[in-house]
């Protein structure tokens, strides 16, 4: 049995259990006074809005140059993928693998994963709730690594600044990529994972 079926609401601020008051449109937490809801209001709509916006920005994030490395006054801008290829050509395979995973695989998996969760919940797809909750937890786990590429660029821009000898400059692609990362993190936060259990019809998923 779910807590909401027993008339219990969980406060999102302090996690206090509150007995649901009948015929009350706006109920506050008995401990901290925050407004409590059975489910996050407009969770699916807000998550879709953030996800679609991040999908739109994902295109310029990969097409526009993300960074320009200049040596002795010469240098060419690199996109994420061209930067990975350049690292591979210089024999830096471990670094290329880290950049590829953090900048290509992780954002793509988050976008696809959140989209699948939203679709399965909204369309009541007959999927295992346990599989979907594990997917949600994995998306939350890998989210912390999404900003790795931006951190590397920020450090290089701050450290490597020797005028015409050597310099690193961030480009528009870095801004678009940072927006994608932030929006996907917000999408994971606005999605209410309790909706997964609301949409399962298997008794085994509640055991």
N, C-alpha and C. Protein backbone atom coordinates (compact mmCIF):
# COMPACT_ATOMS: atom_id res chain seq x y z
N UNK A 1 0.84 -1.19 0.00
CA UNK A 1 0.00 0.00 0.00
C UNK A 1 0.88 1.24 0.00
N UNK A 2 0.50 2.24 -0.80
CA UNK A 2 1.21 3.50 -0.84
C UNK A 2 0.79 4.40 0.31
N UNK A 3 1.69 5.32 0.70
CA UNK A 3 1.38 6.24 1.80
C UNK A 3 0.18 7.11 1.47
N UNK A 4 0.07 7.52 0.20
CA UNK A 4 -1.03 8.39 -0.19
C UNK A 4 -2.37 7.67 -0.08
N UNK A 5 -2.37 6.34 -0.27
CA UNK A 5 -3.60 5.56 -0.11
C UNK A 5 -4.03 5.51 1.35
N UNK A 6 -3.07 5.63 2.25
CA UNK A 6 -3.38 5.62 3.68
C UNK A 6 -3.64 7.02 4.21
N UNK A 7 -3.67 8.01 3.31
CA UNK A 7 -3.93 9.38 3.73
C UNK A 7 -2.75 10.06 4.38
N UNK A 8 -1.54 9.67 3.98
CA UNK A 8 -0.34 10.26 4.55
C UNK A 8 0.42 11.00 3.46
N UNK A 9 0.82 12.25 3.73
CA UNK A 9 1.58 13.07 2.81
C UNK A 9 2.97 13.32 3.39
N UNK A 10 3.97 13.27 2.53
CA UNK A 10 5.35 13.48 2.95
C UNK A 10 5.77 14.89 2.57
N UNK A 11 6.32 15.63 3.53
CA UNK A 11 6.80 16.98 3.26
C UNK A 11 8.12 16.89 2.50
N UNK A 12 8.23 17.61 1.39
CA UNK A 12 9.45 17.59 0.59
C UNK A 12 10.58 18.38 1.24
N UNK A 13 10.26 19.22 2.21
CA UNK A 13 11.28 20.05 2.86
C UNK A 13 11.94 19.33 4.04
N UNK A 14 11.14 18.83 4.98
CA UNK A 14 11.70 18.21 6.19
C UNK A 14 11.37 16.72 6.29
N UNK A 15 10.59 16.19 5.30
CA UNK A 15 10.24 14.76 5.23
C UNK A 15 9.36 14.31 6.40
N UNK A 16 8.63 15.24 6.99
CA UNK A 16 7.68 14.90 8.04
C UNK A 16 6.46 14.23 7.42
N UNK A 17 5.92 13.21 8.09
CA UNK A 17 4.71 12.55 7.63
C UNK A 17 3.50 13.31 8.18
N UNK A 18 2.61 13.70 7.27
CA UNK A 18 1.44 14.49 7.66
C UNK A 18 0.17 13.73 7.28
N UNK A 19 -0.76 13.70 8.19
CA UNK A 19 -2.06 13.10 7.90
C UNK A 19 -2.84 14.03 6.96
N UNK A 20 -3.30 13.46 5.85
CA UNK A 20 -4.02 14.26 4.86
C UNK A 20 -5.34 14.77 5.42
N UNK A 21 -5.53 16.07 5.28
CA UNK A 21 -6.75 16.69 5.76
C UNK A 21 -7.80 16.67 4.65
N UNK A 22 -9.00 16.12 4.92
CA UNK A 22 -10.03 16.05 3.88
C UNK A 22 -10.56 17.43 3.53
N UNK A 23 -10.90 17.58 2.24
CA UNK A 23 -11.50 18.81 1.73
C UNK A 23 -10.62 20.03 2.00
N UNK A 24 -9.30 19.86 1.85
CA UNK A 24 -8.36 20.96 2.01
C UNK A 24 -7.58 21.13 0.72
N UNK A 25 -7.66 22.33 0.14
CA UNK A 25 -6.98 22.57 -1.13
C UNK A 25 -5.49 22.85 -0.95
N UNK A 26 -5.10 23.44 0.16
CA UNK A 26 -3.70 23.76 0.42
C UNK A 26 -3.36 23.38 1.85
N UNK A 27 -2.58 22.32 2.01
CA UNK A 27 -2.23 21.83 3.33
C UNK A 27 -0.77 22.13 3.62
N UNK A 28 -0.45 22.52 4.84
CA UNK A 28 0.92 22.83 5.23
C UNK A 28 1.46 21.77 6.18
N UNK A 29 2.76 21.66 6.21
CA UNK A 29 3.43 20.69 7.06
C UNK A 29 3.30 21.09 8.53
N UNK A 30 3.04 20.12 9.37
CA UNK A 30 2.88 20.40 10.80
C UNK A 30 4.20 20.73 11.48
N UNK A 31 5.31 20.40 10.84
CA UNK A 31 6.61 20.68 11.45
C UNK A 31 7.22 21.99 10.94
N UNK A 32 7.36 22.14 9.59
CA UNK A 32 8.08 23.30 9.06
C UNK A 32 7.17 24.32 8.39
N UNK A 33 5.91 23.98 8.17
CA UNK A 33 4.98 24.92 7.57
C UNK A 33 5.00 25.00 6.07
N UNK A 34 5.80 24.15 5.42
CA UNK A 34 5.84 24.14 3.95
C UNK A 34 4.57 23.50 3.40
N UNK A 35 4.21 23.88 2.17
CA UNK A 35 3.03 23.29 1.54
C UNK A 35 3.35 21.86 1.13
N UNK A 36 2.47 20.93 1.47
CA UNK A 36 2.68 19.52 1.15
C UNK A 36 1.69 19.09 0.07
N UNK A 37 2.15 18.20 -0.78
CA UNK A 37 1.33 17.67 -1.87
C UNK A 37 1.47 16.15 -1.90
N UNK A 38 0.45 15.50 -2.41
CA UNK A 38 0.54 14.07 -2.59
C UNK A 38 1.61 13.73 -3.61
N UNK A 39 1.67 14.51 -4.68
CA UNK A 39 2.68 14.40 -5.71
C UNK A 39 3.11 15.81 -6.11
N UNK A 40 4.30 15.96 -6.63
CA UNK A 40 4.78 17.27 -7.04
C UNK A 40 3.87 17.84 -8.12
N UNK A 41 3.37 19.05 -7.94
CA UNK A 41 2.44 19.62 -8.93
C UNK A 41 3.10 19.80 -10.30
N UNK A 42 2.38 19.37 -11.34
CA UNK A 42 2.84 19.53 -12.74
C UNK A 42 4.23 18.96 -12.96
N UNK A 43 4.53 17.86 -12.29
CA UNK A 43 5.86 17.27 -12.39
C UNK A 43 6.18 16.85 -13.83
N UNK A 44 5.26 16.16 -14.49
CA UNK A 44 5.52 15.68 -15.85
C UNK A 44 5.66 16.83 -16.82
N UNK A 45 4.78 17.83 -16.74
CA UNK A 45 4.82 18.97 -17.66
C UNK A 45 6.12 19.75 -17.50
N UNK A 46 6.53 19.99 -16.27
CA UNK A 46 7.76 20.74 -16.03
C UNK A 46 8.98 19.97 -16.51
N UNK A 47 8.98 18.66 -16.27
CA UNK A 47 10.12 17.85 -16.70
C UNK A 47 10.20 17.80 -18.22
N UNK A 48 9.05 17.67 -18.88
CA UNK A 48 9.04 17.69 -20.35
C UNK A 48 9.57 19.01 -20.88
N UNK A 49 9.16 20.13 -20.27
CA UNK A 49 9.62 21.45 -20.72
C UNK A 49 11.14 21.58 -20.61
N UNK A 50 11.70 21.14 -19.48
CA UNK A 50 13.14 21.20 -19.29
C UNK A 50 13.86 20.26 -20.25
N UNK A 51 13.28 19.08 -20.46
CA UNK A 51 13.92 18.09 -21.33
C UNK A 51 13.93 18.57 -22.78
N UNK A 52 12.81 19.11 -23.27
CA UNK A 52 12.74 19.59 -24.65
C UNK A 52 13.71 20.76 -24.86
N UNK A 53 13.79 21.66 -23.89
CA UNK A 53 14.72 22.78 -23.99
C UNK A 53 16.16 22.29 -24.05
N UNK A 54 16.49 21.30 -23.23
CA UNK A 54 17.85 20.76 -23.25
C UNK A 54 18.13 20.03 -24.56
N UNK A 55 17.13 19.38 -25.14
CA UNK A 55 17.31 18.73 -26.44
C UNK A 55 17.60 19.75 -27.53
N UNK A 56 16.92 20.89 -27.48
CA UNK A 56 17.16 21.94 -28.47
C UNK A 56 18.59 22.48 -28.34
N UNK A 57 19.02 22.71 -27.10
CA UNK A 57 20.37 23.24 -26.87
C UNK A 57 21.45 22.19 -27.10
N UNK A 58 21.07 20.92 -27.11
CA UNK A 58 22.05 19.85 -27.31
C UNK A 58 22.65 19.90 -28.70
N UNK A 59 21.90 20.43 -29.67
CA UNK A 59 22.40 20.53 -31.04
C UNK A 59 23.54 21.54 -31.14
N UNK A 60 23.33 22.81 -30.74
CA UNK A 60 24.47 23.73 -30.79
C UNK A 60 25.61 23.35 -29.86
N UNK A 61 25.31 22.64 -28.78
CA UNK A 61 26.37 22.21 -27.86
C UNK A 61 27.35 21.28 -28.55
N UNK A 62 26.87 20.50 -29.53
CA UNK A 62 27.75 19.57 -30.23
C UNK A 62 28.22 20.09 -31.58
N UNK A 63 27.51 21.06 -32.15
CA UNK A 63 27.88 21.60 -33.46
C UNK A 63 28.84 22.77 -33.33
N UNK A 64 28.57 23.67 -32.38
CA UNK A 64 29.42 24.84 -32.19
C UNK A 64 30.73 24.45 -31.51
N UNK A 65 31.80 25.20 -31.78
CA UNK A 65 33.07 24.91 -31.10
C UNK A 65 32.95 25.17 -29.60
N UNK A 66 33.55 24.27 -28.83
CA UNK A 66 33.46 24.37 -27.38
C UNK A 66 34.70 25.03 -26.78
N UNK A 67 35.85 24.93 -27.51
CA UNK A 67 37.09 25.46 -26.95
C UNK A 67 38.09 25.71 -28.08
N UNK A 68 38.91 26.74 -27.92
CA UNK A 68 39.98 27.04 -28.87
C UNK A 68 41.31 27.05 -28.14
N UNK A 69 42.21 26.18 -28.54
CA UNK A 69 43.55 26.11 -27.95
C UNK A 69 44.53 26.72 -28.94
N UNK A 70 45.20 27.78 -28.52
CA UNK A 70 46.15 28.48 -29.39
C UNK A 70 47.57 28.30 -28.87
N UNK A 71 48.48 27.97 -29.78
CA UNK A 71 49.89 27.82 -29.46
C UNK A 71 50.70 28.64 -30.44
N UNK A 72 51.52 29.57 -29.93
CA UNK A 72 52.32 30.48 -30.74
C UNK A 72 51.44 31.25 -31.73
N UNK A 73 50.27 31.65 -31.25
CA UNK A 73 49.37 32.46 -32.06
C UNK A 73 48.55 31.68 -33.06
N UNK A 74 48.69 30.36 -33.11
CA UNK A 74 47.95 29.55 -34.06
C UNK A 74 47.10 28.53 -33.31
N UNK A 75 45.90 28.37 -33.81
CA UNK A 75 44.99 27.41 -33.19
C UNK A 75 43.65 27.42 -33.89
N UNK A 76 42.93 26.34 -33.76
CA UNK A 76 41.62 26.23 -34.40
C UNK A 76 40.61 25.76 -33.36
N UNK A 77 39.37 26.26 -33.46
CA UNK A 77 38.34 25.84 -32.50
C UNK A 77 37.97 24.39 -32.69
N UNK A 78 37.61 23.75 -31.59
CA UNK A 78 37.24 22.33 -31.60
C UNK A 78 35.85 22.16 -31.01
N UNK A 79 35.05 21.31 -31.66
CA UNK A 79 33.80 20.87 -31.05
C UNK A 79 34.13 19.75 -30.07
N UNK A 80 33.12 19.24 -29.40
CA UNK A 80 33.37 18.16 -28.44
C UNK A 80 33.96 16.94 -29.15
N UNK A 81 33.34 16.55 -30.26
CA UNK A 81 33.78 15.35 -30.96
C UNK A 81 35.13 15.54 -31.62
N UNK A 82 35.36 16.71 -32.22
CA UNK A 82 36.66 16.94 -32.86
C UNK A 82 37.76 17.00 -31.80
N UNK A 83 37.43 17.49 -30.61
CA UNK A 83 38.40 17.49 -29.53
C UNK A 83 38.77 16.08 -29.10
N UNK A 84 37.77 15.20 -29.05
CA UNK A 84 38.04 13.79 -28.72
C UNK A 84 38.94 13.16 -29.78
N UNK A 85 38.66 13.45 -31.05
CA UNK A 85 39.47 12.89 -32.14
C UNK A 85 40.90 13.42 -32.07
N UNK A 86 41.04 14.72 -31.77
CA UNK A 86 42.38 15.30 -31.66
C UNK A 86 43.17 14.65 -30.53
N UNK A 87 42.53 14.41 -29.41
CA UNK A 87 43.20 13.75 -28.28
C UNK A 87 43.63 12.33 -28.66
N UNK A 88 42.78 11.64 -29.41
CA UNK A 88 43.14 10.29 -29.85
C UNK A 88 44.31 10.31 -30.81
N UNK A 89 44.34 11.30 -31.70
CA UNK A 89 45.44 11.39 -32.66
C UNK A 89 46.76 11.69 -31.98
N UNK A 90 46.72 12.35 -30.83
CA UNK A 90 47.93 12.65 -30.08
C UNK A 90 48.27 11.55 -29.08
N UNK A 91 47.55 10.43 -29.14
CA UNK A 91 47.85 9.29 -28.28
C UNK A 91 47.34 9.40 -26.86
N UNK A 92 46.50 10.38 -26.59
CA UNK A 92 45.96 10.55 -25.24
C UNK A 92 44.61 9.85 -25.13
N UNK A 93 44.63 8.53 -25.26
CA UNK A 93 43.40 7.75 -25.29
C UNK A 93 42.63 7.79 -23.96
N UNK A 94 43.29 7.70 -22.80
CA UNK A 94 42.51 7.78 -21.55
C UNK A 94 41.76 9.10 -21.40
N UNK A 95 42.43 10.22 -21.72
CA UNK A 95 41.76 11.52 -21.62
C UNK A 95 40.63 11.61 -22.63
N UNK A 96 40.87 11.11 -23.84
CA UNK A 96 39.83 11.12 -24.87
C UNK A 96 38.62 10.30 -24.43
N UNK A 97 38.88 9.17 -23.76
CA UNK A 97 37.78 8.32 -23.29
C UNK A 97 36.97 9.04 -22.20
N UNK A 98 37.67 9.74 -21.29
CA UNK A 98 36.97 10.47 -20.23
C UNK A 98 36.10 11.58 -20.82
N UNK A 99 36.65 12.34 -21.77
CA UNK A 99 35.89 13.42 -22.40
C UNK A 99 34.70 12.87 -23.16
N UNK A 100 34.90 11.76 -23.87
CA UNK A 100 33.80 11.16 -24.65
C UNK A 100 32.68 10.68 -23.74
N UNK A 101 33.05 10.03 -22.65
CA UNK A 101 32.03 9.51 -21.73
C UNK A 101 31.30 10.66 -21.04
N UNK A 102 32.06 11.64 -20.53
CA UNK A 102 31.45 12.74 -19.77
C UNK A 102 30.68 13.70 -20.64
N UNK A 103 31.11 13.91 -21.88
CA UNK A 103 30.51 14.94 -22.73
C UNK A 103 29.55 14.40 -23.78
N UNK A 104 29.66 13.13 -24.12
CA UNK A 104 28.79 12.55 -25.16
C UNK A 104 27.84 11.51 -24.57
N UNK A 105 28.40 10.48 -23.93
CA UNK A 105 27.57 9.37 -23.46
C UNK A 105 26.66 9.78 -22.31
N UNK A 106 27.21 10.46 -21.30
CA UNK A 106 26.42 10.80 -20.12
C UNK A 106 25.25 11.72 -20.45
N UNK A 107 25.46 12.86 -21.17
CA UNK A 107 24.30 13.69 -21.51
C UNK A 107 23.28 12.98 -22.39
N UNK A 108 23.77 12.17 -23.34
CA UNK A 108 22.84 11.44 -24.22
C UNK A 108 22.01 10.44 -23.43
N UNK A 109 22.66 9.72 -22.52
CA UNK A 109 21.92 8.74 -21.71
C UNK A 109 20.90 9.43 -20.83
N UNK A 110 21.26 10.59 -20.27
CA UNK A 110 20.33 11.31 -19.41
C UNK A 110 19.12 11.78 -20.21
N UNK A 111 19.34 12.32 -21.39
CA UNK A 111 18.24 12.79 -22.22
C UNK A 111 17.31 11.65 -22.60
N UNK A 112 17.90 10.55 -23.07
CA UNK A 112 17.10 9.39 -23.48
C UNK A 112 16.42 8.75 -22.27
N UNK A 113 17.15 8.62 -21.16
CA UNK A 113 16.59 7.99 -19.97
C UNK A 113 15.42 8.75 -19.39
N UNK A 114 15.57 10.07 -19.24
CA UNK A 114 14.47 10.88 -18.71
C UNK A 114 13.28 10.85 -19.65
N UNK A 115 13.56 10.89 -20.96
CA UNK A 115 12.47 10.82 -21.94
C UNK A 115 11.71 9.51 -21.85
N UNK A 116 12.42 8.40 -21.69
CA UNK A 116 11.76 7.10 -21.56
C UNK A 116 10.93 7.01 -20.29
N UNK A 117 11.46 7.56 -19.19
CA UNK A 117 10.71 7.56 -17.93
C UNK A 117 9.42 8.35 -18.07
N UNK A 118 9.52 9.53 -18.67
CA UNK A 118 8.33 10.37 -18.85
C UNK A 118 7.30 9.68 -19.74
N UNK A 119 7.77 9.10 -20.83
CA UNK A 119 6.86 8.44 -21.77
C UNK A 119 6.18 7.24 -21.13
N UNK A 120 6.97 6.43 -20.40
CA UNK A 120 6.40 5.23 -19.80
C UNK A 120 5.39 5.56 -18.72
N UNK A 121 5.64 6.64 -17.95
CA UNK A 121 4.72 7.05 -16.89
C UNK A 121 3.47 7.69 -17.47
N UNK A 122 3.67 8.58 -18.45
CA UNK A 122 2.54 9.32 -19.00
C UNK A 122 1.63 8.42 -19.84
N UNK A 123 2.22 7.46 -20.54
CA UNK A 123 1.44 6.57 -21.41
C UNK A 123 1.06 5.25 -20.73
N UNK A 124 1.42 5.11 -19.46
CA UNK A 124 1.10 3.90 -18.69
C UNK A 124 1.61 2.64 -19.39
N UNK A 125 2.87 2.69 -19.79
CA UNK A 125 3.47 1.54 -20.46
C UNK A 125 3.67 0.40 -19.47
N UNK A 126 3.44 -0.85 -19.91
CA UNK A 126 3.59 -2.00 -19.02
C UNK A 126 5.05 -2.37 -18.79
N UNK A 127 5.81 -1.47 -18.13
CA UNK A 127 7.21 -1.72 -17.82
C UNK A 127 7.37 -1.98 -16.34
N UNK A 128 8.46 -2.65 -15.98
CA UNK A 128 8.73 -2.96 -14.58
C UNK A 128 9.05 -1.67 -13.83
N UNK A 129 8.36 -1.45 -12.72
CA UNK A 129 8.63 -0.27 -11.91
C UNK A 129 10.03 -0.32 -11.32
N UNK A 130 10.50 -1.51 -10.99
CA UNK A 130 11.83 -1.64 -10.41
C UNK A 130 12.89 -1.24 -11.43
N UNK A 131 12.71 -1.63 -12.69
CA UNK A 131 13.66 -1.25 -13.72
C UNK A 131 13.66 0.26 -13.93
N UNK A 132 12.48 0.85 -13.90
CA UNK A 132 12.40 2.30 -14.10
C UNK A 132 13.01 3.07 -12.92
N UNK A 133 12.82 2.58 -11.70
CA UNK A 133 13.39 3.29 -10.56
C UNK A 133 14.91 3.14 -10.53
N UNK A 134 15.42 2.01 -10.99
CA UNK A 134 16.87 1.85 -11.09
C UNK A 134 17.43 2.78 -12.16
N UNK A 135 16.69 2.95 -13.24
CA UNK A 135 17.11 3.88 -14.28
C UNK A 135 17.15 5.31 -13.74
N UNK A 136 16.13 5.66 -12.96
CA UNK A 136 16.08 7.00 -12.37
C UNK A 136 17.25 7.22 -11.43
N UNK A 137 17.55 6.23 -10.60
CA UNK A 137 18.66 6.37 -9.66
C UNK A 137 19.99 6.47 -10.39
N UNK A 138 20.13 5.73 -11.49
CA UNK A 138 21.37 5.78 -12.27
C UNK A 138 21.53 7.14 -12.94
N UNK A 139 20.41 7.72 -13.42
CA UNK A 139 20.45 9.06 -14.01
C UNK A 139 20.89 10.08 -12.97
N UNK A 140 20.36 9.97 -11.76
CA UNK A 140 20.78 10.87 -10.69
C UNK A 140 22.25 10.69 -10.35
N UNK A 141 22.73 9.44 -10.39
CA UNK A 141 24.12 9.16 -10.03
C UNK A 141 25.10 9.75 -11.05
N UNK A 142 24.84 9.54 -12.34
CA UNK A 142 25.77 10.02 -13.35
C UNK A 142 25.65 11.53 -13.57
N UNK A 143 24.59 12.13 -13.04
CA UNK A 143 24.41 13.56 -13.23
C UNK A 143 25.54 14.39 -12.66
N UNK A 144 26.19 13.90 -11.60
CA UNK A 144 27.26 14.65 -10.96
C UNK A 144 28.50 14.74 -11.83
N UNK A 145 28.62 13.83 -12.84
CA UNK A 145 29.79 13.83 -13.71
C UNK A 145 29.56 14.64 -14.99
N UNK A 146 28.37 15.17 -15.16
CA UNK A 146 28.04 15.85 -16.41
C UNK A 146 28.83 17.14 -16.59
N UNK A 147 29.21 17.79 -15.49
CA UNK A 147 29.91 19.07 -15.57
C UNK A 147 31.43 18.91 -15.66
N UNK A 148 31.91 17.68 -15.79
CA UNK A 148 33.36 17.44 -15.80
C UNK A 148 34.03 18.21 -16.93
N UNK A 149 33.44 18.15 -18.13
CA UNK A 149 34.03 18.82 -19.28
C UNK A 149 34.08 20.34 -19.06
N UNK A 150 33.02 20.91 -18.50
CA UNK A 150 32.99 22.35 -18.24
C UNK A 150 34.03 22.73 -17.19
N UNK A 151 34.20 21.90 -16.16
CA UNK A 151 35.22 22.16 -15.15
C UNK A 151 36.62 22.17 -15.76
N UNK A 152 36.88 21.21 -16.67
CA UNK A 152 38.19 21.13 -17.32
C UNK A 152 38.44 22.40 -18.14
N UNK A 153 37.42 22.84 -18.90
CA UNK A 153 37.58 24.05 -19.71
C UNK A 153 37.82 25.27 -18.82
N UNK A 154 37.06 25.38 -17.73
CA UNK A 154 37.21 26.52 -16.82
C UNK A 154 38.62 26.56 -16.23
N UNK A 155 39.16 25.39 -15.84
CA UNK A 155 40.50 25.33 -15.28
C UNK A 155 41.54 25.71 -16.33
N UNK A 156 41.37 25.18 -17.56
CA UNK A 156 42.34 25.49 -18.63
C UNK A 156 42.32 26.97 -18.97
N UNK A 157 41.13 27.57 -19.06
CA UNK A 157 41.04 29.00 -19.38
C UNK A 157 41.71 29.84 -18.31
N UNK A 158 41.58 29.43 -17.04
CA UNK A 158 42.17 30.20 -15.94
C UNK A 158 43.68 30.00 -15.82
N UNK A 159 44.14 28.77 -16.12
CA UNK A 159 45.55 28.45 -15.90
C UNK A 159 46.40 28.74 -17.14
N UNK A 160 45.93 28.31 -18.31
CA UNK A 160 46.71 28.44 -19.54
C UNK A 160 46.41 29.80 -20.18
N UNK A 161 47.15 30.79 -19.81
CA UNK A 161 46.98 32.13 -20.36
C UNK A 161 48.34 32.82 -20.43
N UNK A 162 49.08 32.51 -21.50
CA UNK A 162 50.42 33.04 -21.68
C UNK A 162 50.51 33.90 -22.94
N UNK A 163 49.44 34.63 -23.18
CA UNK A 163 49.43 35.53 -24.34
C UNK A 163 49.49 34.77 -25.65
N UNK A 164 50.41 35.16 -26.54
CA UNK A 164 50.54 34.51 -27.85
C UNK A 164 51.27 33.18 -27.76
N UNK A 165 51.91 32.91 -26.62
CA UNK A 165 52.63 31.63 -26.51
C UNK A 165 51.65 30.47 -26.41
N UNK A 166 50.72 30.57 -25.50
CA UNK A 166 49.71 29.52 -25.34
C UNK A 166 48.51 30.10 -24.60
N UNK A 167 47.34 29.77 -25.07
CA UNK A 167 46.12 30.25 -24.42
C UNK A 167 44.96 29.32 -24.75
N UNK A 168 43.98 29.31 -23.87
CA UNK A 168 42.77 28.51 -24.08
C UNK A 168 41.57 29.43 -23.93
N UNK A 169 40.66 29.36 -24.88
CA UNK A 169 39.49 30.23 -24.88
C UNK A 169 38.23 29.39 -25.01
N UNK A 170 37.27 29.63 -24.13
CA UNK A 170 35.98 28.94 -24.20
C UNK A 170 35.11 29.58 -25.28
N UNK A 171 34.37 28.75 -26.01
CA UNK A 171 33.52 29.23 -27.09
C UNK A 171 32.04 29.03 -26.76
N UNK A 172 31.17 29.38 -27.71
CA UNK A 172 29.72 29.32 -27.47
C UNK A 172 29.23 27.90 -27.20
N UNK A 173 29.92 26.92 -27.76
CA UNK A 173 29.51 25.54 -27.52
C UNK A 173 29.57 25.16 -26.06
N UNK A 174 30.54 25.75 -25.32
CA UNK A 174 30.67 25.47 -23.89
C UNK A 174 29.47 26.01 -23.13
N UNK A 175 28.99 27.18 -23.53
CA UNK A 175 27.81 27.76 -22.87
C UNK A 175 26.58 26.90 -23.11
N UNK A 176 26.40 26.48 -24.38
CA UNK A 176 25.26 25.63 -24.72
C UNK A 176 25.33 24.31 -23.98
N UNK A 177 26.54 23.73 -23.89
CA UNK A 177 26.69 22.45 -23.20
C UNK A 177 26.40 22.59 -21.72
N UNK A 178 26.87 23.69 -21.10
CA UNK A 178 26.60 23.91 -19.68
C UNK A 178 25.10 24.05 -19.43
N UNK A 179 24.40 24.71 -20.35
CA UNK A 179 22.94 24.84 -20.22
C UNK A 179 22.26 23.49 -20.32
N UNK A 180 22.74 22.63 -21.22
CA UNK A 180 22.17 21.28 -21.35
C UNK A 180 22.34 20.51 -20.05
N UNK A 181 23.53 20.58 -19.47
CA UNK A 181 23.80 19.86 -18.23
C UNK A 181 22.90 20.36 -17.10
N UNK A 182 22.80 21.67 -16.96
CA UNK A 182 21.98 22.25 -15.89
C UNK A 182 20.52 21.89 -16.07
N UNK A 183 20.02 21.97 -17.31
CA UNK A 183 18.62 21.68 -17.57
C UNK A 183 18.29 20.20 -17.32
N UNK A 184 19.19 19.30 -17.69
CA UNK A 184 18.94 17.88 -17.42
C UNK A 184 18.98 17.57 -15.93
N UNK A 185 19.85 18.28 -15.19
CA UNK A 185 19.87 18.10 -13.74
C UNK A 185 18.56 18.59 -13.12
N UNK A 186 18.06 19.73 -13.60
CA UNK A 186 16.78 20.24 -13.11
C UNK A 186 15.63 19.31 -13.50
N UNK A 187 15.71 18.72 -14.70
CA UNK A 187 14.67 17.80 -15.14
C UNK A 187 14.61 16.57 -14.23
N UNK A 188 15.78 16.08 -13.82
CA UNK A 188 15.81 14.94 -12.91
C UNK A 188 15.25 15.30 -11.55
N UNK A 189 15.43 16.58 -11.13
CA UNK A 189 14.91 17.02 -9.84
C UNK A 189 13.41 17.25 -9.87
N UNK A 190 12.89 17.77 -10.98
CA UNK A 190 11.46 18.06 -11.05
C UNK A 190 10.61 16.81 -11.28
N UNK A 191 11.24 15.75 -11.82
CA UNK A 191 10.50 14.50 -12.02
C UNK A 191 10.23 13.84 -10.67
N UNK A 192 8.98 13.49 -10.43
CA UNK A 192 8.60 12.84 -9.18
C UNK A 192 8.68 11.32 -9.36
N UNK A 193 9.68 10.66 -8.75
CA UNK A 193 9.83 9.21 -8.95
C UNK A 193 8.67 8.40 -8.40
N UNK A 194 7.85 8.99 -7.52
CA UNK A 194 6.70 8.26 -6.99
C UNK A 194 5.67 7.98 -8.09
N UNK A 195 5.73 8.77 -9.17
CA UNK A 195 4.82 8.52 -10.29
C UNK A 195 5.08 7.16 -10.94
N UNK A 196 6.32 6.69 -10.81
CA UNK A 196 6.66 5.38 -11.37
C UNK A 196 5.82 4.29 -10.70
N UNK A 197 5.70 4.36 -9.38
CA UNK A 197 4.95 3.34 -8.65
C UNK A 197 3.45 3.54 -8.81
N UNK A 198 3.03 4.77 -9.09
CA UNK A 198 1.61 5.02 -9.33
C UNK A 198 1.14 4.36 -10.62
N UNK A 199 2.07 4.16 -11.55
CA UNK A 199 1.70 3.68 -12.88
C UNK A 199 1.99 2.20 -13.09
N UNK A 200 2.42 1.49 -12.05
CA UNK A 200 2.68 0.07 -12.21
C UNK A 200 1.43 -0.73 -11.85
N UNK A 201 1.25 -1.80 -12.57
CA UNK A 201 0.10 -2.66 -12.31
C UNK A 201 0.52 -4.02 -11.79
N UNK A 202 1.83 -4.18 -11.58
CA UNK A 202 2.32 -5.47 -11.11
C UNK A 202 2.42 -5.48 -9.60
N UNK A 203 1.82 -6.46 -8.97
CA UNK A 203 1.90 -6.57 -7.51
C UNK A 203 3.32 -6.88 -7.05
N UNK A 204 4.09 -7.53 -7.94
CA UNK A 204 5.44 -7.89 -7.55
C UNK A 204 6.31 -6.66 -7.35
N UNK A 205 5.95 -5.55 -8.03
CA UNK A 205 6.75 -4.34 -7.94
C UNK A 205 6.58 -3.65 -6.61
N UNK A 206 5.56 -3.98 -5.86
CA UNK A 206 5.30 -3.33 -4.59
C UNK A 206 5.83 -4.13 -3.41
N UNK A 207 6.33 -5.30 -3.67
CA UNK A 207 6.80 -6.15 -2.58
C UNK A 207 8.14 -5.64 -2.05
